[in-house]
Amino acid sequence: MKLTSAAVGSLLLLSALPVAASPYQNLEYALKEQKIISDLRTHCTLAENISDEKIRSVFLNNESSHDLILAAAKALSAGNQQVYAESVEKIQCPDIK
């Protein structure tokens, strides 16, 4: 139940990113989300035919990667590229089909 609650709370991807209050903030949120997904695709060498939603679901439902993704999101929001890159590199790549 605890994992389910965490997953449901995270499905909007990266609860560390603020809920957007304006169209500009919506765009900023979407761009950050896309950067993280793109970097996960590169880091884990994921096929292009795997949907963003599948990537979101698999990584956020995995306890070990969940916290690292949140740390990466916080670093990205803070503009700390070094911590962001380190967090992404620490993420263990699951087998996604």
N, C-alpha and C. Protein backbone atom coordinates (compact mmCIF):
# COMPACT_ATOMS: atom_id res chain seq x y z
N MET A 1 0.83 -1.19 0.00
CA MET A 1 0.00 0.00 0.00
C MET A 1 0.87 1.26 0.00
N LYS A 2 1.96 1.20 0.78
CA LYS A 2 2.86 2.36 0.86
C LYS A 2 3.46 2.68 -0.50
N LEU A 3 3.91 1.64 -1.23
CA LEU A 3 4.48 1.83 -2.56
C LEU A 3 3.42 2.36 -3.52
N THR A 4 2.20 1.83 -3.41
CA THR A 4 1.12 2.30 -4.28
C THR A 4 0.84 3.77 -4.05
N SER A 5 0.80 4.19 -2.81
CA SER A 5 0.57 5.60 -2.50
C SER A 5 1.68 6.47 -3.05
N ALA A 6 2.92 6.01 -2.94
CA ALA A 6 4.05 6.77 -3.47
C ALA A 6 3.97 6.85 -4.99
N ALA A 7 3.60 5.77 -5.62
CA ALA A 7 3.52 5.75 -7.08
C ALA A 7 2.40 6.66 -7.57
N VAL A 8 1.25 6.60 -6.93
CA VAL A 8 0.14 7.45 -7.33
C VAL A 8 0.51 8.92 -7.17
N GLY A 9 1.17 9.24 -6.09
CA GLY A 9 1.58 10.62 -5.86
C GLY A 9 2.64 11.09 -6.85
N SER A 10 3.30 10.15 -7.48
CA SER A 10 4.40 10.50 -8.39
C SER A 10 4.02 10.44 -9.86
N LEU A 11 2.88 9.93 -10.19
CA LEU A 11 2.56 9.71 -11.60
C LEU A 11 2.49 10.99 -12.42
N LEU A 12 2.36 12.10 -11.80
CA LEU A 12 2.44 13.36 -12.55
C LEU A 12 3.88 13.65 -12.90
N LEU A 13 4.74 12.78 -12.53
CA LEU A 13 6.19 12.79 -12.71
C LEU A 13 6.81 13.84 -11.83
N LEU A 14 7.61 13.37 -10.98
CA LEU A 14 8.52 14.19 -10.23
C LEU A 14 7.83 15.24 -9.37
N SER A 15 7.30 14.80 -8.27
CA SER A 15 6.58 15.71 -7.39
C SER A 15 7.48 16.83 -6.87
N ALA A 16 8.78 16.71 -7.10
CA ALA A 16 9.68 17.79 -6.69
C ALA A 16 9.53 19.00 -7.60
N LEU A 17 8.97 18.79 -8.78
CA LEU A 17 8.73 19.92 -9.66
C LEU A 17 7.41 20.57 -9.24
N PRO A 18 7.39 21.90 -9.13
CA PRO A 18 6.19 22.56 -8.64
C PRO A 18 5.01 22.44 -9.59
N VAL A 19 3.83 22.44 -9.02
CA VAL A 19 2.62 22.44 -9.83
C VAL A 19 2.53 23.79 -10.51
N ALA A 20 2.32 23.77 -11.78
CA ALA A 20 2.33 25.00 -12.56
C ALA A 20 1.10 25.83 -12.29
N ALA A 21 1.30 27.14 -12.23
CA ALA A 21 0.21 28.07 -11.97
C ALA A 21 -0.08 28.94 -13.18
N SER A 22 0.73 28.89 -14.20
CA SER A 22 0.51 29.71 -15.38
C SER A 22 0.95 28.93 -16.62
N PRO A 23 0.56 29.39 -17.80
CA PRO A 23 1.00 28.70 -19.02
C PRO A 23 2.53 28.62 -19.12
N TYR A 24 3.22 29.67 -18.72
CA TYR A 24 4.68 29.66 -18.75
C TYR A 24 5.23 28.58 -17.82
N GLN A 25 4.67 28.47 -16.64
CA GLN A 25 5.12 27.45 -15.69
C GLN A 25 4.77 26.05 -16.20
N ASN A 26 3.63 25.90 -16.88
CA ASN A 26 3.27 24.62 -17.49
C ASN A 26 4.32 24.21 -18.51
N LEU A 27 4.75 25.15 -19.33
CA LEU A 27 5.77 24.88 -20.33
C LEU A 27 7.09 24.53 -19.67
N GLU A 28 7.46 25.28 -18.65
CA GLU A 28 8.72 25.01 -17.93
C GLU A 28 8.70 23.61 -17.32
N TYR A 29 7.59 23.24 -16.71
CA TYR A 29 7.44 21.91 -16.11
C TYR A 29 7.58 20.83 -17.18
N ALA A 30 6.89 21.02 -18.30
CA ALA A 30 6.93 20.03 -19.39
C ALA A 30 8.34 19.88 -19.95
N LEU A 31 9.06 20.98 -20.08
CA LEU A 31 10.42 20.92 -20.60
C LEU A 31 11.35 20.19 -19.63
N LYS A 32 11.19 20.42 -18.34
CA LYS A 32 12.01 19.71 -17.35
C LYS A 32 11.69 18.22 -17.36
N GLU A 33 10.42 17.91 -17.43
CA GLU A 33 10.00 16.52 -17.47
C GLU A 33 10.58 15.83 -18.71
N GLN A 34 10.51 16.50 -19.86
CA GLN A 34 11.03 15.93 -21.09
C GLN A 34 12.54 15.76 -21.04
N LYS A 35 13.25 16.68 -20.41
CA LYS A 35 14.71 16.56 -20.28
C LYS A 35 15.07 15.33 -19.45
N ILE A 36 14.37 15.13 -18.36
CA ILE A 36 14.65 13.98 -17.50
C ILE A 36 14.37 12.68 -18.26
N ILE A 37 13.25 12.61 -18.96
CA ILE A 37 12.93 11.41 -19.72
C ILE A 37 13.97 11.18 -20.82
N SER A 38 14.35 12.24 -21.51
CA SER A 38 15.36 12.14 -22.57
C SER A 38 16.69 11.65 -22.00
N ASP A 39 17.09 12.19 -20.86
CA ASP A 39 18.34 11.77 -20.24
C ASP A 39 18.27 10.33 -19.73
N LEU A 40 17.10 9.90 -19.27
CA LEU A 40 16.93 8.50 -18.87
C LEU A 40 17.02 7.58 -20.09
N ARG A 41 16.44 8.02 -21.21
CA ARG A 41 16.54 7.25 -22.45
C ARG A 41 18.00 7.06 -22.85
N THR A 42 18.78 8.15 -22.77
CA THR A 42 20.19 8.09 -23.13
C THR A 42 20.98 7.24 -22.15
N HIS A 43 20.79 7.50 -20.86
CA HIS A 43 21.52 6.78 -19.81
C HIS A 43 21.27 5.28 -19.89
N CYS A 44 20.05 4.90 -20.15
CA CYS A 44 19.68 3.48 -20.14
C CYS A 44 19.59 2.87 -21.54
N THR A 45 19.92 3.65 -22.54
CA THR A 45 19.87 3.20 -23.93
C THR A 45 18.51 2.56 -24.23
N LEU A 46 17.45 3.33 -24.00
CA LEU A 46 16.09 2.85 -24.20
C LEU A 46 15.66 3.09 -25.65
N ALA A 47 14.95 2.15 -26.19
CA ALA A 47 14.47 2.24 -27.57
C ALA A 47 13.47 3.38 -27.72
N GLU A 48 13.46 3.98 -28.89
CA GLU A 48 12.55 5.09 -29.17
C GLU A 48 11.09 4.66 -29.14
N ASN A 49 10.81 3.38 -29.38
CA ASN A 49 9.42 2.92 -29.41
C ASN A 49 8.82 2.75 -28.01
N ILE A 50 9.62 2.94 -26.97
CA ILE A 50 9.10 2.88 -25.59
C ILE A 50 8.53 4.26 -25.27
N SER A 51 7.28 4.28 -24.88
CA SER A 51 6.59 5.56 -24.64
C SER A 51 7.13 6.26 -23.40
N ASP A 52 6.98 7.58 -23.41
CA ASP A 52 7.36 8.38 -22.24
C ASP A 52 6.57 7.93 -21.01
N GLU A 53 5.30 7.60 -21.20
CA GLU A 53 4.46 7.17 -20.09
C GLU A 53 4.98 5.86 -19.48
N LYS A 54 5.43 4.96 -20.33
CA LYS A 54 5.99 3.69 -19.85
C LYS A 54 7.26 3.95 -19.04
N ILE A 55 8.12 4.84 -19.54
CA ILE A 55 9.35 5.19 -18.82
C ILE A 55 9.00 5.80 -17.47
N ARG A 56 8.08 6.74 -17.47
CA ARG A 56 7.62 7.38 -16.24
C ARG A 56 7.17 6.33 -15.23
N SER A 57 6.31 5.45 -15.69
CA SER A 57 5.72 4.43 -14.82
C SER A 57 6.78 3.49 -14.25
N VAL A 58 7.63 2.97 -15.10
CA VAL A 58 8.64 1.99 -14.66
C VAL A 58 9.61 2.62 -13.67
N PHE A 59 10.13 3.79 -13.98
CA PHE A 59 11.13 4.40 -13.11
C PHE A 59 10.53 4.88 -11.79
N LEU A 60 9.34 5.43 -11.83
CA LEU A 60 8.76 5.94 -10.59
C LEU A 60 8.18 4.84 -9.71
N ASN A 61 7.88 3.69 -10.28
CA ASN A 61 7.40 2.57 -9.48
C ASN A 61 8.53 1.74 -8.90
N ASN A 62 9.76 2.06 -9.28
CA ASN A 62 10.93 1.36 -8.77
C ASN A 62 11.48 2.17 -7.59
N GLU A 63 11.45 1.57 -6.40
CA GLU A 63 11.85 2.31 -5.19
C GLU A 63 13.26 2.89 -5.28
N SER A 64 14.19 2.14 -5.83
CA SER A 64 15.57 2.63 -5.85
C SER A 64 15.75 3.80 -6.82
N SER A 65 15.05 3.79 -7.94
CA SER A 65 15.20 4.91 -8.88
C SER A 65 14.31 6.09 -8.52
N HIS A 66 13.22 5.84 -7.82
CA HIS A 66 12.27 6.91 -7.47
C HIS A 66 12.96 8.07 -6.75
N ASP A 67 13.70 7.76 -5.70
CA ASP A 67 14.35 8.81 -4.92
C ASP A 67 15.43 9.54 -5.73
N LEU A 68 16.13 8.80 -6.55
CA LEU A 68 17.16 9.43 -7.39
C LEU A 68 16.54 10.35 -8.44
N ILE A 69 15.40 9.97 -8.97
CA ILE A 69 14.71 10.83 -9.94
C ILE A 69 14.23 12.10 -9.26
N LEU A 70 13.72 11.97 -8.06
CA LEU A 70 13.29 13.16 -7.32
C LEU A 70 14.48 14.07 -7.02
N ALA A 71 15.61 13.48 -6.66
CA ALA A 71 16.82 14.27 -6.41
C ALA A 71 17.28 14.97 -7.69
N ALA A 72 17.21 14.26 -8.81
CA ALA A 72 17.58 14.85 -10.10
C ALA A 72 16.64 16.01 -10.44
N ALA A 73 15.36 15.82 -10.20
CA ALA A 73 14.38 16.87 -10.49
C ALA A 73 14.63 18.12 -9.64
N LYS A 74 14.93 17.91 -8.38
CA LYS A 74 15.22 19.05 -7.49
C LYS A 74 16.47 19.78 -7.97
N ALA A 75 17.50 19.03 -8.33
CA ALA A 75 18.74 19.64 -8.81
C ALA A 75 18.50 20.41 -10.10
N LEU A 76 17.71 19.84 -11.00
CA LEU A 76 17.38 20.50 -12.26
C LEU A 76 16.63 21.80 -12.00
N SER A 77 15.68 21.76 -11.09
CA SER A 77 14.91 22.96 -10.75
C SER A 77 15.80 24.04 -10.13
N ALA A 78 16.81 23.59 -9.38
CA ALA A 78 17.72 24.53 -8.72
C ALA A 78 18.84 24.99 -9.65
N GLY A 79 18.90 24.40 -10.83
CA GLY A 79 19.95 24.77 -11.78
C GLY A 79 21.30 24.17 -11.46
N ASN A 80 21.30 23.11 -10.67
CA ASN A 80 22.55 22.46 -10.28
C ASN A 80 22.81 21.28 -11.22
N GLN A 81 23.46 21.56 -12.34
CA GLN A 81 23.68 20.57 -13.38
C GLN A 81 24.55 19.41 -12.89
N GLN A 82 25.53 19.69 -12.05
CA GLN A 82 26.42 18.63 -11.57
C GLN A 82 25.65 17.59 -10.74
N VAL A 83 24.85 18.05 -9.79
CA VAL A 83 24.08 17.13 -8.95
C VAL A 83 23.04 16.41 -9.81
N TYR A 84 22.45 17.13 -10.77
CA TYR A 84 21.49 16.51 -11.68
C TYR A 84 22.14 15.35 -12.42
N ALA A 85 23.28 15.61 -13.05
CA ALA A 85 23.98 14.58 -13.83
C ALA A 85 24.40 13.40 -12.95
N GLU A 86 24.87 13.68 -11.75
CA GLU A 86 25.28 12.62 -10.83
C GLU A 86 24.08 11.76 -10.43
N SER A 87 22.94 12.39 -10.19
CA SER A 87 21.74 11.64 -9.81
C SER A 87 21.28 10.74 -10.95
N VAL A 88 21.28 11.25 -12.17
CA VAL A 88 20.86 10.45 -13.32
C VAL A 88 21.82 9.27 -13.52
N GLU A 89 23.11 9.51 -13.36
CA GLU A 89 24.10 8.44 -13.55
C GLU A 89 23.97 7.32 -12.51
N LYS A 90 23.45 7.63 -11.34
CA LYS A 90 23.30 6.63 -10.28
C LYS A 90 22.07 5.74 -10.48
N ILE A 91 21.17 6.15 -11.35
CA ILE A 91 19.94 5.39 -11.56
C ILE A 91 20.26 4.07 -12.25
N GLN A 92 19.77 2.99 -11.66
CA GLN A 92 19.96 1.67 -12.25
C GLN A 92 18.88 1.46 -13.30
N CYS A 93 19.29 1.00 -14.45
CA CYS A 93 18.37 0.86 -15.57
C CYS A 93 17.61 -0.46 -15.51
N PRO A 94 16.31 -0.38 -15.46
CA PRO A 94 15.49 -1.60 -15.48
C PRO A 94 15.37 -2.15 -16.90
N ASP A 95 14.93 -3.36 -17.00
CA ASP A 95 14.69 -3.96 -18.30
C ASP A 95 13.28 -3.56 -18.74
N ILE A 96 13.20 -2.66 -19.70
CA ILE A 96 11.90 -2.17 -20.16
C ILE A 96 11.67 -2.71 -21.56
N LYS A 97 10.49 -3.29 -21.74
CA LYS A 97 10.12 -3.82 -23.06
C LYS A 97 8.89 -3.11 -23.57
